[in-house]
C-alpha cells in the first residue's frame, strides 16, 4: 500500500506528558498522536511521527510541526462519503485527543518535506509571573518568581546571546560528545517584555481585588534560532532572571558563553513556563 506524507500543526499542554518523543510505557505527545492516527486512518501499523523540535517533559507547544506518512487511500469520514480530507482528519483526531493535544491544521506535505531537517527557524516563549504570590490560573504555564526583577537589565543581558556562539554553558552535553566539543547555535532574535501589569485584572473589572497583587507582572521572553540544544532556553532564562535580581549583568552572560562550561551556572528554569511557539520553513 502506498503512503502520502502529511504535515500537521500541533498544540499541546505538556503537563501530563513525559515529553514529545515516544517512550514505551510512558505517556508522550508522539505516542498519543500516533495511536490516534492509526485508529483514524486504519493504518496497518502505528505510524512514526517526526517533530520539528523535541520538547521535554512538562513543556508546552502552540506551533509544533510534525510529519507522518499515512496510507494513500484514507477511509471515508462517514458512510457514503469520499476519502477523508484534511478538515475531516483534523476533526477526527481532535475528537480523540483534545484538549490535551490539538491538531490545528493538516495538509499533504510539499515534496521532500521533513519536519525536523527542513526547518529553518524555531521560536520559543517563556513566561515569568513576577509577584509576591503565585497565581493559580497562571501556575501551569508560568514560573512564579517573587522579584523584584530589573527588566531592563534582563533585556540587556539577553542581547549578549544574539548571533552565533558556543552555548556549552547553557546546554546539556549531547550523548557521546566530549567536554571540548563546541555546541554552536545562531540566535536571530531575543526579547523580554511585560505582558500585563496590576492595573488590569483578567475580568477587565475594577473591583476590590483589582490590582491587589502589589506590582505583579507577567513577563515574556522570546527567542528564535535555527535550532536549540537541550535545556538551552530554560538555562538562559534562569541566568537572565538572576541578572534581574542583581546577580550579574550582560558581561556575566558574555563571560559564561566564552567559558564553554556549565560550572557555576544556575539550574534551568522550570519546564512548565516554556512553550514552542512556531517553526519556520522559509516558505
Protein backbone atom coordinates (compact mmCIF):
# COMPACT_ATOMS: atom_id res chain seq x y z
CA UNK A 1 0.00 0.00 0.00
CA UNK A 2 1.39 3.43 -0.94
CA UNK A 3 1.73 6.31 1.50
CA UNK A 4 1.47 10.09 1.43
CA UNK A 5 3.46 12.36 3.73
CA UNK A 6 1.33 14.75 5.78
CA UNK A 7 2.31 17.88 7.67
CA UNK A 8 0.45 18.67 10.92
CA UNK A 9 0.47 21.80 13.06
CA UNK A 10 0.02 20.66 16.68
CA UNK A 11 -0.56 22.37 20.03
CA UNK A 12 -0.44 20.63 23.40
CA UNK A 13 -0.40 21.04 27.14
CA UNK A 14 2.75 19.21 28.17
CA UNK A 15 1.78 18.87 31.84
CA UNK A 16 0.59 15.25 31.60
CA UNK A 17 3.25 14.04 29.16
CA UNK A 18 6.80 12.81 29.58
CA UNK A 19 7.91 14.92 26.63
CA UNK A 20 7.15 14.69 22.93
CA UNK A 21 9.23 11.68 21.84
CA UNK A 22 7.59 8.27 22.09
CA UNK A 23 8.79 6.18 25.06
CA UNK A 24 7.48 2.66 25.74
CA UNK A 25 5.12 2.56 28.69
CA UNK A 26 5.11 6.34 29.22
CA UNK A 27 2.55 8.98 28.18
CA UNK A 28 4.06 11.11 25.40
CA UNK A 29 2.67 13.50 22.81
CA UNK A 30 4.05 11.45 19.91
CA UNK A 31 2.61 8.25 21.37
CA UNK A 32 -0.87 9.73 21.80
CA UNK A 33 -0.82 11.30 18.34
CA UNK A 34 0.45 8.13 16.63
CA UNK A 35 -2.23 5.97 18.24
CA UNK A 36 -4.98 8.39 17.20
CA UNK A 37 -3.60 8.49 13.65
CA UNK A 38 -3.52 4.70 13.45
CA UNK A 39 -7.15 4.42 14.61
CA UNK A 40 -8.37 7.20 12.34
CA UNK A 41 -6.63 6.08 9.15
CA UNK A 42 -6.85 2.32 9.87
CA UNK A 43 -3.13 2.08 9.09
CA UNK A 44 -1.69 -1.45 9.17
CA UNK A 45 0.89 -0.31 11.74
CA UNK A 46 1.26 2.59 14.13
CA UNK A 47 2.85 5.40 12.08
CA UNK A 48 6.08 7.09 13.08
CA UNK A 49 5.62 10.77 13.99
CA UNK A 50 8.59 13.11 13.43
CA UNK A 51 8.57 16.57 15.03
CA UNK A 52 10.42 19.81 14.38
CA UNK A 53 11.67 20.07 17.95
CA UNK A 54 11.53 17.52 20.74
CA UNK A 55 10.10 19.11 23.86
CA UNK A 56 10.94 17.86 27.36
CA UNK A 57 8.51 16.63 29.99
CA UNK A 58 6.16 19.45 31.02
CA UNK A 59 6.97 21.75 28.09
CA UNK A 60 4.05 23.05 26.02
CA UNK A 61 3.59 23.88 22.34
CA UNK A 62 1.39 26.16 20.28
CA UNK A 63 3.15 25.65 16.96
CA UNK A 64 4.82 22.23 16.90
CA UNK A 65 5.13 20.84 13.37
CA UNK A 66 5.21 17.12 12.64
CA UNK A 67 5.28 14.92 9.59
CA UNK A 68 3.80 11.46 9.28
CA UNK A 69 3.40 9.01 6.39
CA UNK A 70 -0.22 7.84 6.09
CA UNK A 71 -1.93 5.42 3.72
CA UNK A 72 -2.54 6.96 0.32
CA UNK A 73 -6.17 5.81 0.43
CA UNK A 74 -7.70 7.18 3.62
CA UNK A 75 -11.01 5.78 4.82
CA UNK A 76 -14.23 7.74 4.45
CA UNK A 77 -15.08 10.15 7.23
CA UNK A 78 -18.63 8.77 7.28
CA UNK A 79 -20.72 6.23 5.43
CA UNK A 80 -21.31 7.17 1.80
CA UNK A 81 -18.70 9.93 1.82
CA UNK A 82 -15.48 10.08 -0.17
CA UNK A 83 -11.98 9.58 1.27
CA UNK A 84 -11.14 11.63 4.33
CA UNK A 85 -9.70 15.08 3.55
CA UNK A 86 -7.62 17.47 5.71
CA UNK A 87 -10.57 19.03 7.58
CA UNK A 88 -12.14 15.65 8.35
CA UNK A 89 -8.78 14.27 9.51
CA UNK A 90 -8.35 17.21 11.89
CA UNK A 91 -11.84 16.73 13.33
CA UNK A 92 -11.36 13.00 13.80
CA UNK A 93 -8.04 13.42 15.58
CA UNK A 94 -9.26 16.20 17.85
CA UNK A 95 -12.28 14.16 18.93
CA UNK A 96 -9.79 11.70 20.40
CA UNK A 97 -7.02 13.98 21.61
CA UNK A 98 -8.45 17.36 22.68
CA UNK A 99 -7.99 19.29 24.85
CA UNK A 100 -4.56 18.00 25.91
CA UNK A 101 -3.42 17.72 22.28
CA UNK A 102 -4.99 19.63 19.39
CA UNK A 103 -4.19 19.33 15.70
CA UNK A 104 -4.62 22.88 14.42
CA UNK A 105 -4.03 22.11 10.74
CA UNK A 106 -3.25 19.15 8.48
CA UNK A 107 -2.22 19.04 4.83
CA UNK A 108 -0.25 16.88 2.40
CA UNK A 109 3.39 17.91 2.75
CA UNK A 110 5.44 19.53 -0.02
CA UNK A 111 7.84 17.19 -1.88
CA UNK A 112 10.89 16.30 0.22
CA UNK A 113 9.45 17.83 3.38
CA UNK A 114 10.93 16.77 6.72
CA UNK A 115 9.52 18.42 9.85
CA UNK A 116 12.90 18.43 11.57
CA UNK A 117 15.51 18.80 8.83
CA UNK A 118 13.55 21.21 6.62
CA UNK A 119 13.03 23.70 9.45
CA UNK A 120 14.99 26.96 9.21
CA UNK A 121 13.86 28.64 12.45
CA UNK A 122 12.25 27.77 15.77
CA UNK A 123 10.76 30.22 18.25
CA UNK A 124 10.27 29.53 21.97
CA UNK A 125 8.46 31.61 24.58
CA UNK A 126 8.97 31.56 28.34
CA UNK A 127 6.58 33.18 30.83
CA UNK A 128 7.57 34.52 34.25
CA UNK A 129 4.96 35.62 36.79
CA UNK A 130 6.69 38.21 38.98
CA UNK A 131 4.53 38.67 42.07
CA UNK A 132 4.52 38.26 45.85
CA UNK A 133 2.14 35.31 45.50
CA UNK A 134 1.54 32.64 42.88
CA UNK A 135 -1.46 32.84 40.57
CA UNK A 136 -3.40 29.55 40.37
CA UNK A 137 -4.53 30.24 36.79
CA UNK A 138 -1.02 31.07 35.55
CA UNK A 139 0.77 28.39 37.58
CA UNK A 140 0.57 25.70 34.83
CA UNK A 141 2.22 27.94 32.21
CA UNK A 142 4.41 30.48 34.04
CA UNK A 143 7.31 30.35 36.50
CA UNK A 144 6.43 32.21 39.71
CA UNK A 145 9.30 34.49 40.81
CA UNK A 146 8.85 36.75 43.83
CA UNK A 147 11.10 39.53 42.48
CA UNK A 148 11.58 42.44 42.18
CA UNK A 149 13.23 41.99 38.77
CA UNK A 150 15.04 44.62 36.72
CA UNK A 151 13.55 44.00 33.29
CA UNK A 152 15.93 46.45 31.61
CA UNK A 153 18.98 44.56 32.89
CA UNK A 154 17.46 41.25 31.77
CA UNK A 155 16.85 42.59 28.27
CA UNK A 156 20.39 43.98 28.04
CA UNK A 157 21.89 40.67 29.16
CA UNK A 158 19.70 38.76 26.70
CA UNK A 159 21.15 40.78 23.81
CA UNK A 160 24.52 39.14 24.58
CA UNK A 161 23.36 35.84 23.06
CA UNK A 162 22.41 37.32 19.68
CA UNK A 163 24.45 35.90 16.82
CA UNK A 164 26.49 32.71 16.69
CA UNK A 165 28.00 31.39 19.91
CA UNK A 166 29.21 28.25 21.65
CA UNK A 167 26.36 27.50 24.08
CA UNK A 168 28.04 24.78 26.15
CA UNK A 169 27.49 26.92 29.27
CA UNK A 170 23.74 26.74 28.72
CA UNK A 171 23.20 23.23 27.31
CA UNK A 172 23.30 19.64 28.37
CA UNK A 173 26.11 17.82 26.60
CA UNK A 174 24.75 15.58 23.81
CA UNK A 175 25.29 11.83 24.28
CA UNK A 176 28.71 10.79 23.01
CA UNK A 177 30.07 14.36 22.87
CA UNK A 178 33.17 15.36 24.81
CA UNK A 179 33.51 18.42 27.04
CA UNK A 180 35.82 20.04 24.45
CA UNK A 181 33.33 19.92 21.57
CA UNK A 182 31.59 23.27 20.95
CA UNK A 183 27.79 23.40 20.80
CA UNK A 184 27.32 26.20 18.29
CA UNK A 185 23.96 27.82 17.65
CA UNK A 186 22.91 31.06 15.90
CA UNK A 187 20.29 33.18 17.68
CA UNK A 188 18.45 35.62 15.42
CA UNK A 189 16.08 37.28 17.91
CA UNK A 190 15.64 37.72 21.67
CA UNK A 191 13.11 39.83 23.54
CA UNK A 192 11.93 40.44 27.08
CA UNK A 193 8.68 42.35 27.55
CA UNK A 194 5.93 42.92 30.09
CA UNK A 195 2.67 41.27 29.04
CA UNK A 196 0.37 42.51 31.80
CA UNK A 197 0.51 44.75 34.81
CA UNK A 198 -1.52 45.08 38.02
CA UNK A 199 -3.68 47.89 36.63
CA UNK A 200 -5.79 45.42 34.56
CA UNK A 201 -7.35 42.31 36.03
CA UNK A 202 -8.37 39.31 33.90
CA UNK A 203 -12.08 40.18 34.03
CA UNK A 204 -11.45 43.77 32.96
CA UNK A 205 -13.10 44.95 36.19
CA UNK A 206 -12.09 47.43 38.83
CA UNK A 207 -13.38 45.71 41.97
CA UNK A 208 -11.87 45.40 45.45
CA UNK A 209 -9.27 42.90 44.27
CA UNK A 210 -8.24 44.63 41.02
CA UNK A 211 -4.52 45.31 41.13
CA UNK A 212 -4.15 43.81 44.61
CA UNK A 213 -1.14 41.70 43.59
CA UNK A 214 1.16 44.57 44.61
CA UNK A 215 3.17 45.22 41.46
CA UNK A 216 2.66 41.84 39.86
CA UNK A 217 3.79 41.49 36.25
CA UNK A 218 3.62 38.78 33.64
CA UNK A 219 6.92 38.81 31.74
CA UNK A 220 7.53 37.15 28.40
CA UNK A 221 10.85 36.02 26.98
CA UNK A 222 11.02 35.02 23.32
CA UNK A 223 13.99 33.61 21.48
CA UNK A 224 14.39 32.47 17.88
CA UNK A 225 17.22 30.41 16.39
CA UNK A 226 17.82 27.90 13.65
CA UNK A 227 17.98 25.17 16.28
CA UNK A 228 18.44 24.75 20.03
CA UNK A 229 20.40 22.38 22.22
CA UNK A 230 18.97 20.51 25.21
CA UNK A 231 17.80 22.82 28.05
CA UNK A 232 19.24 25.89 26.29
CA UNK A 233 16.21 28.17 26.68
CA UNK A 234 15.47 27.19 30.27
CA UNK A 235 19.11 27.66 31.26
CA UNK A 236 19.21 31.07 29.61
CA UNK A 237 16.01 32.15 31.35
CA UNK A 238 17.36 31.10 34.76
CA UNK A 239 20.55 33.09 34.20
CA UNK A 240 18.66 36.15 32.93
CA UNK A 241 16.29 36.07 35.91
CA UNK A 242 19.35 36.01 38.18
CA UNK A 243 20.52 39.09 36.28
CA UNK A 244 17.18 40.74 37.04
CA UNK A 245 17.79 40.03 40.72
CA UNK A 246 21.12 41.84 40.55
CA UNK A 247 23.26 38.69 40.37
CA UNK A 248 25.17 39.56 37.20
CA UNK A 249 24.82 41.62 34.04
CA UNK A 250 25.43 41.46 30.28
CA UNK A 251 29.16 40.97 30.89
CA UNK A 252 28.38 37.96 33.08
CA UNK A 253 26.43 36.28 30.28
CA UNK A 254 29.21 37.05 27.78
CA UNK A 255 31.79 35.52 30.14
CA UNK A 256 29.67 32.39 30.51
CA UNK A 257 29.43 31.99 26.73
CA UNK A 258 33.21 32.27 26.46
CA UNK A 259 33.81 29.83 29.31
CA UNK A 260 32.37 26.83 27.48
CA UNK A 261 31.37 25.19 30.77
CA UNK A 262 28.27 24.97 32.96
CA UNK A 263 30.32 25.28 36.15
CA UNK A 264 28.58 27.77 38.42
CA UNK A 265 25.57 28.14 36.10
CA UNK A 266 22.06 28.47 37.51
CA UNK A 267 19.75 25.45 37.46
CA UNK A 268 17.43 25.52 34.43
CA UNK A 269 14.13 27.32 34.90
CA UNK A 270 11.10 25.02 35.39
CA UNK A 271 9.81 23.26 32.29
CA UNK A 272 6.18 24.40 32.63
CA UNK A 273 6.97 28.01 31.68
CA UNK A 274 8.33 27.03 28.26
CA UNK A 275 6.33 26.81 25.04
CA UNK A 276 7.33 26.10 21.43
CA UNK A 277 5.53 28.92 19.63
CA UNK A 278 6.36 28.43 15.97
CA UNK A 279 8.59 26.71 13.41
CA UNK A 280 9.67 28.36 10.18
CA UNK A 281 10.43 26.68 6.87
CA UNK A 282 11.43 29.64 4.72
CA UNK A 283 8.21 29.36 2.74
